[in-house]
Amino acid sequence: MKNLLLLFVLLTTVFCAQAQSKKIFVEGPASDPYITHVIQPKENFYSIGRIYNISPRVYAPYNNMSLEGGLTIGQMVRIPLNEINFSKDGAAAEDEVIVPLYKRSGGNDAIFGYLKVKKELSALAVSGSAPKKPVDVAAVTPAPKKENAPAPTPAPKQPEPSKVPATPTPEPTTAPTVSTEGFFKSAYLKQHITNKNVTVKAGVFKSTSGWNDGKFYCFHNRAAAGNIVAVQNPANGKTIYAKVLDVVPDISENVGIDLRLSNAAAEALQVSGTTFTCELSY
């Protein structure tokens, strides 16, 4: 029995490695591009959404599917490319990697753009690369040539004034700190807020983000992926601002949970316990 289990794990690993090394091709018209995913064993709407950085509430209606329905092994699902999971030039957020997407044209495979996936959530992240940095135009543009000009006539030397040593300006001893409310506060203030002071039951998930840069993330069942939510701890009045990654995963331990915050965000709110009550605005 152990040998059969070991063989199954080995074959699964080889299959996943081969699948990740294959080129991903874009289909559909330029105005509505998409990629195709084939359902594998144990996959669901939410695990597929984490792979391609897209909410099930976006791609399920795109395929005329209902989240209440089931999926079938081998079923073909179209994954639309939008402003959240697609980049034409390879630019992406710090917590994302880019995976090249190809388009067949005249027998050749040309790069169409890049799929943006989350480092900590997507299985495709291992085959991706760091986002491309914009080209510094000033660094690559040659300076205009200067025409030869007559050398200036040197001015007569003046007696040098007595030199008095300048008092050095002390450098700041501490580096600027990130706001305890989080990096995404300014983006939240630009949003149109329609839901205020909604009380929800929340939990925590582990993440490496947010401890130094203040980039807090969360899973939420109502706000769309990419939106910013304000989260307040009613026990002490502390507030943080977190970016929504996706809906809360549909597993047994999340029953009754409407929000999961990164552990750095929970620490900033000074909450205690595995679950707690907080107030949302989004």
C-alpha atoms as a PDB file:
ATOM      1  CA  MET A   1       0.000   0.000   0.000  1.00  0.00           C
ATOM      2  CA  LYS A   2       2.877   2.367   0.873  1.00  0.00           C
ATOM      3  CA  ASN A   3       4.515   1.654  -2.482  1.00  0.00           C
ATOM      4  CA  LEU A   4       1.304   2.491  -4.342  1.00  0.00           C
ATOM      5  CA  LEU A   5       0.952   5.734  -2.372  1.00  0.00           C
ATOM      6  CA  LEU A   6       4.569   6.673  -3.090  1.00  0.00           C
ATOM      7  CA  LEU A   7       4.062   5.964  -6.806  1.00  0.00           C
ATOM      8  CA  PHE A   8       0.927   8.153  -6.859  1.00  0.00           C
ATOM      9  CA  VAL A   9       2.746  11.077  -5.176  1.00  0.00           C
ATOM     10  CA  LEU A  10       5.669  10.721  -7.598  1.00  0.00           C
ATOM     11  CA  LEU A  11       3.423  10.708 -10.672  1.00  0.00           C
ATOM     12  CA  THR A  12       1.459  13.689  -9.331  1.00  0.00           C
ATOM     13  CA  THR A  13       4.669  15.639  -8.737  1.00  0.00           C
ATOM     14  CA  VAL A  14       5.977  14.881 -12.232  1.00  0.00           C
ATOM     15  CA  PHE A  15       2.639  15.850 -13.789  1.00  0.00           C
ATOM     16  CA  CYS A  16       2.534  19.178 -11.905  1.00  0.00           C
ATOM     17  CA  ALA A  17       6.125  19.988 -12.853  1.00  0.00           C
ATOM     18  CA  GLN A  18       5.434  19.277 -16.520  1.00  0.00           C
ATOM     19  CA  ALA A  19       2.202  21.280 -16.440  1.00  0.00           C
ATOM     20  CA  GLN A  20       3.966  24.310 -14.955  1.00  0.00           C
ATOM     21  CA  SER A  21       6.763  24.148 -17.534  1.00  0.00           C
ATOM     22  CA  LYS A  22       4.355  24.208 -20.501  1.00  0.00           C
ATOM     23  CA  LYS A  23       3.571  27.439 -22.279  1.00  0.00           C
ATOM     24  CA  ILE A  24       0.227  29.032 -21.460  1.00  0.00           C
ATOM     25  CA  PHE A  25      -1.612  30.200 -24.576  1.00  0.00           C
ATOM     26  CA  VAL A  26      -4.178  32.983 -24.828  1.00  0.00           C
ATOM     27  CA  GLU A  27      -7.402  32.396 -26.728  1.00  0.00           C
ATOM     28  CA  GLY A  28     -10.293  34.587 -27.805  1.00  0.00           C
ATOM     29  CA  PRO A  29     -10.315  38.041 -29.427  1.00  0.00           C
ATOM     30  CA  ALA A  30      -7.994  40.839 -28.305  1.00  0.00           C
ATOM     31  CA  SER A  31     -10.973  42.607 -26.713  1.00  0.00           C
ATOM     32  CA  ASP A  32     -11.871  39.565 -24.584  1.00  0.00           C
ATOM     33  CA  PRO A  33      -8.791  37.337 -24.074  1.00  0.00           C
ATOM     34  CA  TYR A  34      -8.832  34.269 -21.840  1.00  0.00           C
ATOM     35  CA  ILE A  35      -6.822  31.162 -20.981  1.00  0.00           C
ATOM     36  CA  THR A  36      -8.164  27.641 -20.476  1.00  0.00           C
ATOM     37  CA  HIS A  37      -7.869  25.469 -17.359  1.00  0.00           C
ATOM     38  CA  VAL A  38      -8.629  21.728 -17.210  1.00  0.00           C
ATOM     39  CA  ILE A  39     -10.164  20.644 -13.880  1.00  0.00           C
ATOM     40  CA  GLN A  40      -7.927  18.286 -11.881  1.00  0.00           C
ATOM     41  CA  PRO A  41      -8.856  16.014  -8.920  1.00  0.00           C
ATOM     42  CA  LYS A  42      -9.717  17.811  -5.643  1.00  0.00           C
ATOM     43  CA  GLU A  43      -9.925  21.250  -7.304  1.00  0.00           C
ATOM     44  CA  ASN A  44     -12.788  23.630  -6.566  1.00  0.00           C
ATOM     45  CA  PHE A  45     -13.844  27.147  -7.576  1.00  0.00           C
ATOM     46  CA  TYR A  46     -11.691  28.748  -4.881  1.00  0.00           C
ATOM     47  CA  SER A  47      -8.486  26.745  -5.436  1.00  0.00           C
ATOM     48  CA  ILE A  48      -8.661  27.556  -9.173  1.00  0.00           C
ATOM     49  CA  GLY A  49      -9.190  31.223  -8.351  1.00  0.00           C
ATOM     50  CA  ARG A  50      -6.024  31.237  -6.230  1.00  0.00           C
ATOM     51  CA  ILE A  51      -4.003  29.712  -9.086  1.00  0.00           C
ATOM     52  CA  TYR A  52      -4.954  32.435 -11.595  1.00  0.00           C
ATOM     53  CA  ASN A  53      -5.433  35.387  -9.188  1.00  0.00           C
ATOM     54  CA  ILE A  54      -9.110  35.802  -9.995  1.00  0.00           C
ATOM     55  CA  SER A  55     -12.259  35.619  -7.898  1.00  0.00           C
ATOM     56  CA  PRO A  56     -14.685  32.734  -8.549  1.00  0.00           C
ATOM     57  CA  ARG A  57     -17.396  35.401  -8.640  1.00  0.00           C
ATOM     58  CA  VAL A  58     -15.727  36.735 -11.788  1.00  0.00           C
ATOM     59  CA  TYR A  59     -14.859  33.610 -13.781  1.00  0.00           C
ATOM     60  CA  ALA A  60     -17.866  31.443 -12.805  1.00  0.00           C
ATOM     61  CA  PRO A  61     -20.437  33.768 -14.502  1.00  0.00           C
ATOM     62  CA  TYR A  62     -17.976  34.138 -17.404  1.00  0.00           C
ATOM     63  CA  ASN A  63     -18.434  30.383 -17.972  1.00  0.00           C
ATOM     64  CA  ASN A  64     -22.201  30.475 -17.270  1.00  0.00           C
ATOM     65  CA  MET A  65     -21.581  28.463 -14.100  1.00  0.00           C
ATOM     66  CA  SER A  66     -23.018  28.744 -10.595  1.00  0.00           C
ATOM     67  CA  LEU A  67     -20.857  28.613  -7.454  1.00  0.00           C
ATOM     68  CA  GLU A  68     -23.478  26.325  -5.929  1.00  0.00           C
ATOM     69  CA  GLY A  69     -22.850  23.740  -8.662  1.00  0.00           C
ATOM     70  CA  GLY A  70     -20.013  21.243  -8.851  1.00  0.00           C
ATOM     71  CA  LEU A  71     -17.003  20.762 -11.113  1.00  0.00           C
ATOM     72  CA  THR A  72     -16.100  17.675 -13.133  1.00  0.00           C
ATOM     73  CA  ILE A  73     -12.584  16.280 -13.598  1.00  0.00           C
ATOM     74  CA  GLY A  74     -11.441  17.077 -17.143  1.00  0.00           C
ATOM     75  CA  GLN A  75     -13.929  19.932 -17.522  1.00  0.00           C
ATOM     76  CA  MET A  76     -12.621  22.951 -19.481  1.00  0.00           C
ATOM     77  CA  VAL A  77     -12.946  26.327 -17.740  1.00  0.00           C
ATOM     78  CA  ARG A  78     -12.143  29.679 -19.360  1.00  0.00           C
ATOM     79  CA  ILE A  79     -10.176  32.115 -17.164  1.00  0.00           C
ATOM     80  CA  PRO A  80     -10.703  35.723 -18.307  1.00  0.00           C
ATOM     81  CA  LEU A  81      -7.774  38.158 -18.278  1.00  0.00           C
ATOM     82  CA  ASN A  82      -8.526  41.477 -16.587  1.00  0.00           C
ATOM     83  CA  GLU A  83      -6.767  44.383 -14.897  1.00  0.00           C
ATOM     84  CA  ILE A  84      -6.151  42.327 -11.733  1.00  0.00           C
ATOM     85  CA  ASN A  85      -4.499  39.205 -13.161  1.00  0.00           C
ATOM     86  CA  PHE A  86      -3.083  40.464 -16.490  1.00  0.00           C
ATOM     87  CA  SER A  87      -0.257  42.842 -17.417  1.00  0.00           C
ATOM     88  CA  LYS A  88       0.694  43.725 -20.975  1.00  0.00           C
ATOM     89  CA  ASP A  89       4.182  44.996 -20.087  1.00  0.00           C
ATOM     90  CA  GLY A  90       5.028  42.721 -17.136  1.00  0.00           C
ATOM     91  CA  ALA A  91       4.476  45.282 -14.371  1.00  0.00           C
ATOM     92  CA  ALA A  92       3.039  43.814 -11.141  1.00  0.00           C
ATOM     93  CA  ALA A  93       2.805  44.355  -7.377  1.00  0.00           C
ATOM     94  CA  GLU A  94       5.595  43.360  -4.983  1.00  0.00           C
ATOM     95  CA  ASP A  95       3.636  40.343  -3.713  1.00  0.00           C
ATOM     96  CA  GLU A  96       3.124  39.009  -7.269  1.00  0.00           C
ATOM     97  CA  VAL A  97       5.183  37.225  -9.924  1.00  0.00           C
ATOM     98  CA  ILE A  98       4.587  37.244 -13.668  1.00  0.00           C
ATOM     99  CA  VAL A  99       4.098  34.231 -15.937  1.00  0.00           C
ATOM    100  CA  PRO A 100       4.459  34.744 -19.720  1.00  0.00           C
ATOM    101  CA  LEU A 101       1.377  34.181 -21.882  1.00  0.00           C
ATOM    102  CA  TYR A 102       1.701  33.283 -25.562  1.00  0.00           C
ATOM    103  CA  LYS A 103      -0.442  33.753 -28.683  1.00  0.00           C
ATOM    104  CA  ARG A 104      -0.051  31.570 -31.762  1.00  0.00           C
ATOM    105  CA  SER A 105       0.309  33.611 -34.932  1.00  0.00           C
ATOM    106  CA  GLY A 106       1.439  32.317 -38.307  1.00  0.00           C
ATOM    107  CA  GLY A 107       2.970  29.187 -36.829  1.00  0.00           C
ATOM    108  CA  ASN A 108       5.016  31.170 -34.288  1.00  0.00           C
ATOM    109  CA  ASP A 109       4.516  31.604 -30.522  1.00  0.00           C
ATOM    110  CA  ALA A 110       4.654  35.293 -29.617  1.00  0.00           C
ATOM    111  CA  ILE A 111       4.396  36.699 -26.088  1.00  0.00           C
ATOM    112  CA  PHE A 112       0.939  38.252 -25.665  1.00  0.00           C
ATOM    113  CA  GLY A 113       1.437  39.566 -22.121  1.00  0.00           C
ATOM    114  CA  TYR A 114       1.892  38.313 -18.560  1.00  0.00           C
ATOM    115  CA  LEU A 115      -0.301  36.579 -15.993  1.00  0.00           C
ATOM    116  CA  LYS A 116       0.057  38.164 -12.528  1.00  0.00           C
ATOM    117  CA  VAL A 117      -0.205  35.599  -9.716  1.00  0.00           C
ATOM    118  CA  LYS A 118       0.268  35.830  -5.945  1.00  0.00           C
ATOM    119  CA  LYS A 119       3.593  34.532  -4.615  1.00  0.00           C
ATOM    120  CA  GLU A 120       2.061  32.811  -1.600  1.00  0.00           C
ATOM    121  CA  LEU A 121      -1.169  31.507  -3.153  1.00  0.00           C
ATOM    122  CA  SER A 122      -0.612  30.306  -6.726  1.00  0.00           C
ATOM    123  CA  ALA A 123       1.004  27.041  -7.820  1.00  0.00           C
ATOM    124  CA  LEU A 124       2.150  28.901 -10.969  1.00  0.00           C
ATOM    125  CA  ALA A 125       4.353  31.193  -8.872  1.00  0.00           C
ATOM    126  CA  VAL A 126       7.219  28.655  -8.954  1.00  0.00           C
ATOM    127  CA  SER A 127       7.458  28.993 -12.754  1.00  0.00           C
ATOM    128  CA  GLY A 128       7.082  32.786 -12.769  1.00  0.00           C
ATOM    129  CA  SER A 129       9.610  35.579 -12.427  1.00  0.00           C
ATOM    130  CA  ALA A 130       9.905  38.958 -10.735  1.00  0.00           C
ATOM    131  CA  PRO A 131       7.875  41.829 -12.235  1.00  0.00           C
ATOM    132  CA  LYS A 132       9.625  43.892 -14.863  1.00  0.00           C
ATOM    133  CA  LYS A 133      10.865  47.322 -13.841  1.00  0.00           C
ATOM    134  CA  PRO A 134      10.052  50.355 -16.011  1.00  0.00           C
ATOM    135  CA  VAL A 135      12.934  51.620 -18.147  1.00  0.00           C
ATOM    136  CA  ASP A 136      14.642  54.764 -16.826  1.00  0.00           C
ATOM    137  CA  VAL A 137      14.403  56.985 -19.919  1.00  0.00           C
ATOM    138  CA  ALA A 138      16.847  59.529 -18.504  1.00  0.00           C
ATOM    139  CA  ALA A 139      19.458  56.816 -18.014  1.00  0.00           C
ATOM    140  CA  VAL A 140      19.358  55.543 -21.595  1.00  0.00           C
ATOM    141  CA  THR A 141      18.872  58.862 -23.453  1.00  0.00           C
ATOM    142  CA  PRO A 142      22.259  60.322 -24.478  1.00  0.00           C
ATOM    143  CA  ALA A 143      22.896  63.902 -23.435  1.00  0.00           C
ATOM    144  CA  PRO A 144      22.921  66.441 -26.291  1.00  0.00           C
ATOM    145  CA  LYS A 145      26.347  67.275 -27.629  1.00  0.00           C
ATOM    146  CA  LYS A 146      27.684  70.650 -26.648  1.00  0.00           C
ATOM    147  CA  GLU A 147      29.247  72.821 -29.326  1.00  0.00           C
ATOM    148  CA  ASN A 148      32.791  73.987 -28.761  1.00  0.00           C
ATOM    149  CA  ALA A 149      32.734  77.352 -27.040  1.00  0.00           C
ATOM    150  CA  PRO A 150      35.637  79.736 -26.430  1.00  0.00           C
ATOM    151  CA  ALA A 151      37.336  79.116 -23.108  1.00  0.00           C
ATOM    152  CA  PRO A 152      36.270  81.706 -20.512  1.00  0.00           C
ATOM    153  CA  THR A 153      38.820  84.331 -19.435  1.00  0.00           C
ATOM    154  CA  PRO A 154      39.972  83.481 -15.921  1.00  0.00           C
ATOM    155  CA  ALA A 155      38.977  86.059 -13.326  1.00  0.00           C
ATOM    156  CA  PRO A 156      41.730  87.728 -11.268  1.00  0.00           C
ATOM    157  CA  LYS A 157      42.466  85.884  -8.049  1.00  0.00           C
ATOM    158  CA  GLN A 158      40.979  87.361  -4.916  1.00  0.00           C
ATOM    159  CA  PRO A 159      42.391  86.914  -1.463  1.00  0.00           C
ATOM    160  CA  GLU A 160      40.856  83.868   0.177  1.00  0.00           C
ATOM    161  CA  PRO A 161      38.687  84.591   3.211  1.00  0.00           C
ATOM    162  CA  SER A 162      39.656  82.991   6.482  1.00  0.00           C
ATOM    163  CA  LYS A 163      38.189  79.524   6.634  1.00  0.00           C
ATOM    164  CA  VAL A 164      35.969  78.709   9.575  1.00  0.00           C
ATOM    165  CA  PRO A 165      35.126  75.007   9.992  1.00  0.00           C
ATOM    166  CA  ALA A 166      31.432  74.452   9.353  1.00  0.00           C
ATOM    167  CA  THR A 167      29.352  72.791  12.024  1.00  0.00           C
ATOM    168  CA  PRO A 168      28.199  69.445  10.623  1.00  0.00           C
ATOM    169  CA  THR A 169      24.445  68.932  10.463  1.00  0.00           C
ATOM    170  CA  PRO A 170      23.520  65.892  12.547  1.00  0.00           C
ATOM    171  CA  GLU A 171      21.861  63.116  10.532  1.00  0.00           C
ATOM    172  CA  PRO A 172      18.568  61.691  11.742  1.00  0.00           C
ATOM    173  CA  THR A 173      19.120  58.692  13.994  1.00  0.00           C
ATOM    174  CA  THR A 174      15.884  56.899  13.104  1.00  0.00           C
ATOM    175  CA  ALA A 175      14.410  55.857   9.755  1.00  0.00           C
ATOM    176  CA  PRO A 176      10.859  56.901   8.856  1.00  0.00           C
ATOM    177  CA  THR A 177       8.320  54.356  10.048  1.00  0.00           C
ATOM    178  CA  VAL A 178       5.359  52.900   8.184  1.00  0.00           C
ATOM    179  CA  SER A 179       1.938  53.979   9.477  1.00  0.00           C
ATOM    180  CA  THR A 180       0.427  51.423  11.838  1.00  0.00           C
ATOM    181  CA  GLU A 181      -2.812  51.780   9.837  1.00  0.00           C
ATOM    182  CA  GLY A 182      -1.140  50.269   6.782  1.00  0.00           C
ATOM    183  CA  PHE A 183       0.157  51.028   3.295  1.00  0.00           C
ATOM    184  CA  PHE A 184      -3.276  50.907   1.610  1.00  0.00           C
ATOM    185  CA  LYS A 185      -4.957  53.734   3.551  1.00  0.00           C
ATOM    186  CA  SER A 186      -4.553  56.315   0.757  1.00  0.00           C
ATOM    187  CA  ALA A 187      -6.092  53.899  -1.782  1.00  0.00           C
ATOM    188  CA  TYR A 188      -9.043  53.296   0.547  1.00  0.00           C
ATOM    189  CA  LEU A 189      -9.743  57.040   0.859  1.00  0.00           C
ATOM    190  CA  LYS A 190     -10.107  57.230  -2.950  1.00  0.00           C
ATOM    191  CA  GLN A 191     -12.766  54.483  -3.052  1.00  0.00           C
ATOM    192  CA  HIS A 192     -16.502  55.013  -3.101  1.00  0.00           C
ATOM    193  CA  ILE A 193     -17.612  53.563   0.244  1.00  0.00           C
ATOM    194  CA  THR A 194     -21.075  51.962   0.245  1.00  0.00           C
ATOM    195  CA  ASN A 195     -20.946  49.694   3.320  1.00  0.00           C
ATOM    196  CA  LYS A 196     -19.989  51.232   6.669  1.00  0.00           C
ATOM    197  CA  ASN A 197     -19.558  49.720  10.131  1.00  0.00           C
ATOM    198  CA  VAL A 198     -20.550  46.177   9.125  1.00  0.00           C
ATOM    199  CA  THR A 199     -19.922  43.808  12.059  1.00  0.00           C
ATOM    200  CA  VAL A 200     -18.326  40.492  11.032  1.00  0.00           C
ATOM    201  CA  LYS A 201     -16.658  37.478  12.614  1.00  0.00           C
ATOM    202  CA  ALA A 202     -13.003  37.292  11.614  1.00  0.00           C
ATOM    203  CA  GLY A 203     -10.020  34.938  11.756  1.00  0.00           C
ATOM    204  CA  VAL A 204      -6.303  35.086  10.936  1.00  0.00           C
ATOM    205  CA  PHE A 205      -4.013  33.516   8.316  1.00  0.00           C
ATOM    206  CA  LYS A 206      -0.209  33.464   8.273  1.00  0.00           C
ATOM    207  CA  SER A 207       1.617  35.767   5.860  1.00  0.00           C
ATOM    208  CA  THR A 208       5.107  37.239   5.538  1.00  0.00           C
ATOM    209  CA  SER A 209       3.717  40.532   4.218  1.00  0.00           C
ATOM    210  CA  GLY A 210       2.890  43.581   6.306  1.00  0.00           C
ATOM    211  CA  TRP A 211       5.404  43.288   9.115  1.00  0.00           C
ATOM    212  CA  ASN A 212       7.791  45.908   7.729  1.00  0.00           C
ATOM    213  CA  ASP A 213       5.977  47.555   4.807  1.00  0.00           C
ATOM    214  CA  GLY A 214       2.452  47.803   6.281  1.00  0.00           C
ATOM    215  CA  LYS A 215       0.926  45.965   3.301  1.00  0.00           C
ATOM    216  CA  PHE A 216      -1.947  44.148   4.992  1.00  0.00           C
ATOM    217  CA  TYR A 217      -4.060  41.585   3.095  1.00  0.00           C
ATOM    218  CA  CYS A 218      -7.304  39.745   3.753  1.00  0.00           C
ATOM    219  CA  PHE A 219      -9.897  37.326   2.387  1.00  0.00           C
ATOM    220  CA  HIS A 220     -13.477  38.648   2.423  1.00  0.00           C
ATOM    221  CA  ASN A 221     -16.760  37.177   1.217  1.00  0.00           C
ATOM    222  CA  ARG A 222     -18.400  40.433   0.071  1.00  0.00           C
ATOM    223  CA  ALA A 223     -15.888  43.024  -1.157  1.00  0.00           C
ATOM    224  CA  ALA A 224     -14.447  42.327  -4.619  1.00  0.00           C
ATOM    225  CA  ALA A 225     -10.830  41.210  -4.996  1.00  0.00           C
ATOM    226  CA  GLY A 226      -8.506  44.210  -5.257  1.00  0.00           C
ATOM    227  CA  ASN A 227     -10.686  46.483  -3.111  1.00  0.00           C
ATOM    228  CA  ILE A 228      -9.430  47.978   0.149  1.00  0.00           C
ATOM    229  CA  VAL A 229     -11.394  47.464   3.385  1.00  0.00           C
ATOM    230  CA  ALA A 230     -11.118  49.401   6.637  1.00  0.00           C
ATOM    231  CA  VAL A 231     -11.075  47.048   9.627  1.00  0.00           C
ATOM    232  CA  GLN A 232     -11.642  48.357  13.164  1.00  0.00           C
ATOM    233  CA  ASN A 233     -11.225  46.575  16.470  1.00  0.00           C
ATOM    234  CA  PRO A 234     -14.216  47.845  18.505  1.00  0.00           C
ATOM    235  CA  ALA A 235     -12.474  46.844  21.732  1.00  0.00           C
ATOM    236  CA  ASN A 236      -9.743  49.501  21.382  1.00  0.00           C
ATOM    237  CA  GLY A 237     -10.746  51.641  18.356  1.00  0.00           C
ATOM    238  CA  LYS A 238      -7.649  50.699  16.342  1.00  0.00           C
ATOM    239  CA  THR A 239      -8.109  50.629  12.530  1.00  0.00           C
ATOM    240  CA  ILE A 240      -6.081  49.109   9.684  1.00  0.00           C
ATOM    241  CA  TYR A 241      -6.574  49.039   5.904  1.00  0.00           C
ATOM    242  CA  ALA A 242      -6.247  45.711   4.051  1.00  0.00           C
ATOM    243  CA  LYS A 243      -6.379  44.702   0.377  1.00  0.00           C
ATOM    244  CA  VAL A 244      -8.812  41.900  -0.541  1.00  0.00           C
ATOM    245  CA  LEU A 245      -7.137  38.901  -2.217  1.00  0.00           C
ATOM    246  CA  ASP A 246     -10.213  36.719  -2.731  1.00  0.00           C
ATOM    247  CA  VAL A 247     -13.233  35.264  -0.942  1.00  0.00           C
ATOM    248  CA  VAL A 248     -12.685  33.243   2.232  1.00  0.00           C
ATOM    249  CA  PRO A 249     -11.759  29.669   1.151  1.00  0.00           C
ATOM    250  CA  ASP A 250     -14.731  27.316   1.304  1.00  0.00           C
ATOM    251  CA  ILE A 251     -13.429  24.816   3.877  1.00  0.00           C
ATOM    252  CA  SER A 252     -14.860  23.508   7.162  1.00  0.00           C
ATOM    253  CA  GLU A 253     -12.664  25.658   9.429  1.00  0.00           C
ATOM    254  CA  ASN A 254     -14.048  28.812   7.783  1.00  0.00           C
ATOM    255  CA  VAL A 255     -17.728  28.108   8.549  1.00  0.00           C
ATOM    256  CA  GLY A 256     -19.173  31.292  10.029  1.00  0.00           C
ATOM    257  CA  ILE A 257     -16.053  33.320   9.152  1.00  0.00           C
ATOM    258  CA  ASP A 258     -16.638  36.283   6.821  1.00  0.00           C
ATOM    259  CA  LEU A 259     -13.123  37.776   6.998  1.00  0.00           C
ATOM    260  CA  ARG A 260      -9.601  36.424   7.384  1.00  0.00           C
ATOM    261  CA  LEU A 261      -6.793  38.921   8.079  1.00  0.00           C
ATOM    262  CA  SER A 262      -3.050  38.422   7.701  1.00  0.00           C
ATOM    263  CA  ASN A 263      -1.347  37.899  11.047  1.00  0.00           C
ATOM    264  CA  ALA A 264       0.513  41.215  10.669  1.00  0.00           C
ATOM    265  CA  ALA A 265      -2.839  43.035  10.326  1.00  0.00           C
ATOM    266  CA  ALA A 266      -4.258  41.215  13.372  1.00  0.00           C
ATOM    267  CA  GLU A 267      -1.163  42.194  15.359  1.00  0.00           C
ATOM    268  CA  ALA A 268      -1.640  45.856  14.391  1.00  0.00           C
ATOM    269  CA  LEU A 269      -5.269  45.669  15.598  1.00  0.00           C
ATOM    270  CA  GLN A 270      -4.095  44.054  18.865  1.00  0.00           C
ATOM    271  CA  VAL A 271      -6.750  41.348  18.699  1.00  0.00           C
ATOM    272  CA  SER A 272      -6.511  38.140  20.674  1.00  0.00           C
ATOM    273  CA  GLY A 273      -7.773  34.613  20.043  1.00  0.00           C
ATOM    274  CA  THR A 274      -8.215  32.607  16.870  1.00  0.00           C
ATOM    275  CA  THR A 275     -11.520  34.370  16.052  1.00  0.00           C
ATOM    276  CA  PHE A 276     -12.767  37.826  16.959  1.00  0.00           C
ATOM    277  CA  THR A 277     -15.399  40.406  16.050  1.00  0.00           C
ATOM    278  CA  CYS A 278     -14.530  43.532  14.074  1.00  0.00           C
ATOM    279  CA  GLU A 279     -16.231  46.281  12.066  1.00  0.00           C
ATOM    280  CA  LEU A 280     -15.734  46.761   8.301  1.00  0.00           C
ATOM    281  CA  SER A 281     -16.195  49.650   5.904  1.00  0.00           C
ATOM    282  CA  TYR A 282     -15.761  49.137   2.141  1.00  0.00           C
END
